[in-house]
N, C-alpha and C. Protein backbone atom coordinates (compact mmCIF):
# COMPACT_ATOMS: atom_id res chain seq x y z
N MET A 1 0.82 -1.20 0.00
CA MET A 1 0.00 0.00 0.00
C MET A 1 0.86 1.26 0.00
N LEU A 2 1.92 1.29 0.81
CA LEU A 2 2.80 2.45 0.86
C LEU A 2 4.19 2.05 0.40
N LYS A 3 4.32 1.71 -0.86
CA LYS A 3 5.60 1.32 -1.42
C LYS A 3 6.14 2.45 -2.28
N LYS A 4 7.44 2.45 -2.46
CA LYS A 4 8.08 3.46 -3.30
C LYS A 4 7.62 3.28 -4.74
N GLY A 5 7.22 4.37 -5.36
CA GLY A 5 6.76 4.33 -6.73
C GLY A 5 5.26 4.14 -6.87
N THR A 6 4.56 3.89 -5.77
CA THR A 6 3.10 3.73 -5.81
C THR A 6 2.45 5.07 -5.54
N HIS A 7 1.56 5.48 -6.40
CA HIS A 7 0.87 6.75 -6.15
C HIS A 7 -0.50 6.49 -5.55
N PHE A 8 -0.98 7.48 -4.84
CA PHE A 8 -2.21 7.38 -4.07
C PHE A 8 -3.38 7.85 -4.93
N GLU A 9 -4.37 6.99 -5.12
CA GLU A 9 -5.57 7.34 -5.87
C GLU A 9 -6.79 7.05 -5.02
N MET A 10 -7.76 7.94 -5.09
CA MET A 10 -9.02 7.72 -4.39
C MET A 10 -10.13 7.63 -5.42
N SER A 11 -10.96 6.61 -5.26
CA SER A 11 -12.08 6.47 -6.18
C SER A 11 -13.15 7.50 -5.84
N THR A 12 -14.14 7.59 -6.70
CA THR A 12 -15.23 8.55 -6.50
C THR A 12 -16.00 8.28 -5.22
N MET A 13 -16.13 7.02 -4.85
CA MET A 13 -16.84 6.68 -3.62
C MET A 13 -16.14 7.29 -2.40
N TYR A 14 -14.81 7.23 -2.36
CA TYR A 14 -14.08 7.80 -1.23
C TYR A 14 -14.18 9.32 -1.20
N TRP A 15 -14.24 9.96 -2.36
CA TRP A 15 -14.42 11.42 -2.39
C TRP A 15 -15.80 11.81 -1.86
N VAL A 16 -16.81 11.02 -2.17
CA VAL A 16 -18.16 11.28 -1.66
C VAL A 16 -18.18 11.10 -0.15
N ILE A 17 -17.54 10.04 0.34
CA ILE A 17 -17.48 9.82 1.79
C ILE A 17 -16.70 10.95 2.46
N LEU A 18 -15.59 11.38 1.83
CA LEU A 18 -14.80 12.48 2.38
C LEU A 18 -15.62 13.76 2.47
N LEU A 19 -16.38 14.07 1.44
CA LEU A 19 -17.21 15.27 1.46
C LEU A 19 -18.28 15.18 2.54
N GLY A 20 -18.92 14.03 2.67
CA GLY A 20 -19.93 13.87 3.71
C GLY A 20 -19.34 13.99 5.10
N LEU A 21 -18.19 13.34 5.32
CA LEU A 21 -17.53 13.46 6.62
C LEU A 21 -17.12 14.89 6.91
N PHE A 22 -16.60 15.56 5.89
CA PHE A 22 -16.18 16.95 6.07
C PHE A 22 -17.36 17.84 6.45
N LEU A 23 -18.47 17.67 5.77
CA LEU A 23 -19.64 18.49 6.10
C LEU A 23 -20.14 18.22 7.51
N LEU A 24 -20.20 16.95 7.91
CA LEU A 24 -20.66 16.61 9.26
C LEU A 24 -19.69 17.13 10.32
N LEU A 25 -18.41 16.91 10.12
CA LEU A 25 -17.43 17.36 11.10
C LEU A 25 -17.34 18.88 11.19
N SER A 26 -17.39 19.55 10.06
CA SER A 26 -17.32 21.01 10.10
C SER A 26 -18.56 21.60 10.75
N TYR A 27 -19.74 21.02 10.50
CA TYR A 27 -20.96 21.49 11.16
C TYR A 27 -20.84 21.32 12.67
N LYS A 28 -20.36 20.14 13.10
CA LYS A 28 -20.19 19.89 14.53
C LYS A 28 -19.16 20.83 15.14
N ASN A 29 -18.03 21.01 14.45
CA ASN A 29 -16.97 21.86 14.99
C ASN A 29 -17.33 23.34 15.00
N LEU A 30 -18.08 23.79 14.02
CA LEU A 30 -18.43 25.20 13.97
C LEU A 30 -19.51 25.59 14.98
N PHE A 31 -20.45 24.69 15.24
CA PHE A 31 -21.60 25.08 16.04
C PHE A 31 -21.69 24.42 17.42
N PHE A 32 -20.94 23.38 17.68
CA PHE A 32 -21.08 22.67 18.94
C PHE A 32 -19.73 22.39 19.58
N GLY A 33 -19.40 23.09 20.62
CA GLY A 33 -18.33 22.75 21.52
C GLY A 33 -16.93 22.60 20.98
N TRP A 34 -16.57 23.28 19.93
CA TRP A 34 -15.19 23.22 19.45
C TRP A 34 -14.43 24.35 20.13
N SER A 35 -13.23 24.07 20.61
CA SER A 35 -12.44 25.14 21.23
C SER A 35 -11.05 25.14 20.64
N ILE A 36 -10.54 26.29 20.37
CA ILE A 36 -9.21 26.41 19.78
C ILE A 36 -8.15 26.03 20.80
N GLN A 37 -8.46 26.08 22.09
CA GLN A 37 -7.49 25.74 23.12
C GLN A 37 -7.00 24.29 23.00
N ASN A 38 -7.81 23.43 22.40
CA ASN A 38 -7.39 22.04 22.22
C ASN A 38 -6.23 21.90 21.25
N TYR A 39 -6.01 22.89 20.40
CA TYR A 39 -4.96 22.83 19.39
C TYR A 39 -3.77 23.70 19.75
N LEU A 40 -3.63 24.06 21.02
CA LEU A 40 -2.50 24.83 21.53
C LEU A 40 -2.33 26.18 20.83
N THR A 41 -3.42 26.80 20.47
CA THR A 41 -3.35 28.11 19.84
C THR A 41 -4.09 29.15 20.67
N ASN A 42 -4.17 28.94 21.98
CA ASN A 42 -4.93 29.87 22.80
C ASN A 42 -4.20 31.19 23.01
N LYS A 43 -2.91 31.28 22.75
CA LYS A 43 -2.17 32.53 22.91
C LYS A 43 -2.28 33.44 21.69
N ILE A 44 -2.69 32.88 20.56
CA ILE A 44 -2.78 33.64 19.32
C ILE A 44 -4.17 34.25 19.20
N GLU A 45 -4.22 35.51 18.85
CA GLU A 45 -5.52 36.16 18.67
C GLU A 45 -5.93 36.03 17.20
N PHE A 46 -7.00 35.31 16.97
CA PHE A 46 -7.52 35.12 15.62
C PHE A 46 -8.63 36.11 15.34
N GLY A 47 -8.74 36.53 14.10
CA GLY A 47 -9.92 37.25 13.68
C GLY A 47 -11.04 36.26 13.45
N ILE A 48 -12.24 36.75 13.27
CA ILE A 48 -13.39 35.86 13.12
C ILE A 48 -13.30 35.04 11.84
N PHE A 49 -12.84 35.64 10.74
CA PHE A 49 -12.74 34.91 9.48
C PHE A 49 -11.63 33.86 9.55
N SER A 50 -10.48 34.23 10.08
CA SER A 50 -9.37 33.28 10.15
C SER A 50 -9.68 32.14 11.12
N ARG A 51 -10.48 32.40 12.14
CA ARG A 51 -10.88 31.33 13.06
C ARG A 51 -11.73 30.30 12.32
N TYR A 52 -12.67 30.76 11.49
CA TYR A 52 -13.50 29.82 10.72
C TYR A 52 -12.68 29.05 9.70
N VAL A 53 -11.73 29.70 9.07
CA VAL A 53 -10.85 29.01 8.12
C VAL A 53 -10.03 27.95 8.84
N PHE A 54 -9.53 28.28 10.01
CA PHE A 54 -8.76 27.30 10.79
C PHE A 54 -9.62 26.11 11.19
N ILE A 55 -10.84 26.35 11.61
CA ILE A 55 -11.75 25.26 11.99
C ILE A 55 -12.07 24.39 10.78
N LEU A 56 -12.34 24.99 9.63
CA LEU A 56 -12.63 24.21 8.43
C LEU A 56 -11.41 23.41 7.97
N PHE A 57 -10.23 24.00 8.08
CA PHE A 57 -9.01 23.29 7.71
C PHE A 57 -8.79 22.07 8.61
N THR A 58 -8.92 22.24 9.91
CA THR A 58 -8.74 21.10 10.81
C THR A 58 -9.83 20.05 10.60
N SER A 59 -11.04 20.47 10.24
CA SER A 59 -12.11 19.51 9.95
C SER A 59 -11.78 18.70 8.70
N PHE A 60 -11.22 19.35 7.68
CA PHE A 60 -10.84 18.64 6.47
C PHE A 60 -9.73 17.63 6.75
N ILE A 61 -8.74 18.02 7.52
CA ILE A 61 -7.65 17.12 7.85
C ILE A 61 -8.17 15.93 8.66
N GLU A 62 -9.07 16.19 9.60
CA GLU A 62 -9.66 15.11 10.38
C GLU A 62 -10.46 14.15 9.49
N SER A 63 -11.20 14.70 8.54
CA SER A 63 -11.96 13.86 7.60
C SER A 63 -11.03 13.01 6.75
N PHE A 64 -9.94 13.59 6.30
CA PHE A 64 -8.98 12.86 5.47
C PHE A 64 -8.33 11.73 6.27
N ILE A 65 -8.05 11.96 7.55
CA ILE A 65 -7.49 10.91 8.39
C ILE A 65 -8.50 9.78 8.56
N TYR A 66 -9.78 10.11 8.71
CA TYR A 66 -10.81 9.07 8.79
C TYR A 66 -10.87 8.25 7.50
N ILE A 67 -10.74 8.92 6.37
CA ILE A 67 -10.75 8.21 5.08
C ILE A 67 -9.55 7.27 4.99
N LEU A 68 -8.39 7.70 5.48
CA LEU A 68 -7.22 6.82 5.46
C LEU A 68 -7.45 5.59 6.33
N PHE A 69 -8.09 5.76 7.49
CA PHE A 69 -8.42 4.61 8.33
C PHE A 69 -9.42 3.69 7.64
N ILE A 70 -10.39 4.24 6.95
CA ILE A 70 -11.37 3.41 6.23
C ILE A 70 -10.68 2.65 5.11
N ARG A 71 -9.80 3.32 4.35
CA ARG A 71 -9.08 2.64 3.27
C ARG A 71 -8.19 1.53 3.81
N PHE A 72 -7.53 1.78 4.93
CA PHE A 72 -6.66 0.76 5.52
C PHE A 72 -7.48 -0.43 6.01
N SER A 73 -8.66 -0.16 6.58
CA SER A 73 -9.53 -1.25 7.04
C SER A 73 -10.01 -2.09 5.87
N VAL A 74 -10.38 -1.46 4.77
CA VAL A 74 -10.82 -2.19 3.58
C VAL A 74 -9.67 -3.01 3.01
N PHE A 75 -8.47 -2.43 3.01
CA PHE A 75 -7.28 -3.14 2.52
C PHE A 75 -7.02 -4.40 3.36
N ILE A 76 -7.08 -4.26 4.68
CA ILE A 76 -6.86 -5.40 5.57
C ILE A 76 -7.96 -6.44 5.39
N PHE A 77 -9.21 -5.99 5.28
CA PHE A 77 -10.32 -6.92 5.07
C PHE A 77 -10.14 -7.70 3.77
N ASN A 78 -9.81 -7.00 2.69
CA ASN A 78 -9.60 -7.68 1.41
C ASN A 78 -8.46 -8.68 1.48
N ARG A 79 -7.40 -8.29 2.14
CA ARG A 79 -6.23 -9.15 2.22
C ARG A 79 -6.50 -10.38 3.09
N ALA A 80 -7.23 -10.19 4.18
CA ALA A 80 -7.43 -11.28 5.14
C ALA A 80 -8.53 -12.24 4.70
N PHE A 81 -9.66 -11.71 4.25
CA PHE A 81 -10.82 -12.57 4.00
C PHE A 81 -11.03 -12.95 2.55
N LEU A 82 -10.78 -12.03 1.64
CA LEU A 82 -11.06 -12.34 0.24
C LEU A 82 -9.94 -13.17 -0.40
N LYS A 83 -8.73 -13.05 0.07
CA LYS A 83 -7.64 -13.86 -0.48
C LYS A 83 -7.75 -15.31 -0.06
N LYS A 84 -8.40 -15.59 1.08
CA LYS A 84 -8.58 -16.97 1.53
C LYS A 84 -9.46 -17.76 0.59
N ASN A 85 -10.48 -17.08 0.06
CA ASN A 85 -11.47 -17.77 -0.79
C ASN A 85 -10.94 -18.09 -2.18
N GLU A 86 -9.89 -17.45 -2.60
CA GLU A 86 -9.37 -17.69 -3.96
C GLU A 86 -8.52 -18.92 -4.04
């Protein structure tokens, strides 16, 4: 999966899942209980626009990490269970 010379491709299904996760996470982070203090940036004074951009950026990164976990789980599942049947 992570070999030299292998490039990373995501199918359309993973992009749809990424978009859905991003929308759900950004909605949760923007409106319910998200605090910048959790990211060690409590000493920096953000403007209102830059605060929203920072929240959306961290939501996108979090969504992408979830997609990587999903892809790794599917890879392990395919390797463990589907290779046995062949």
